[in-house]
C-alpha cells in the first residue's frame, strides 16, 4: 500500500510540473505576441504622426504615393484604436506576471522531484503537504488567467508539442 501512495504522489508531482511548465511557456509566448503587436503598432503610428505627416505631404504631390499614404495613415489609425482598446500594456503585464508565477511553481516542482529522488523513502504526508501548496498556487495563478485574442488552439498545440519534445529529450 505504501508503494502505491508513493507512486501516486510521484504522478501528481509530475502532472503539476508538466501543467505549470505548459502554462509558463504559453504565457511567455503570449508576452512575445503582444510585444510584437505593441512594437509594430508604435512604429506604424510614429510613421504617420504629425512630424512624419509633413514628410507625407510631399508625397501627396506624387500620384502613386497619394493612395499609399492614405492607406498607411488609415491603417495606422486602426492600429492606434486597437492598441488602446485592447489595453496592450495591461496584457503585457498580466502575461508577464503569469509567466513568473508558473515559473515559480515549476521550479518548486523540480525541487520536490529532486527531493523525492534523493530520498526514495520519503514521508508521504510531508511531501503531500508540499505538493498541495504547489497545486494551490497553480490553481490561484490559473484562475487569474484571462481570455485573450492571441491565445489560440494552434498556439496551445505548438507549445504542447515543444514541451513534449523538450521533456522527452531531457528526462
Foldseek 3Di string as FASTA:
>chain_A
DVVVLLVVLVVLLVVLLLVLQLLLVLLVVQLVVLVVLVVVLVVLLVCCPPVNVVVLVVCCVPVVCVVVNVVSNVVSVVSVVCCVVVVSVVSNVLSVVLNVLSVVLNVLSVVLVVVCVVDVVDDSVVSVVSSVVSVVSVVVSVVSDDDDPPDDPVSSVVSSVVSVVVVVVPD
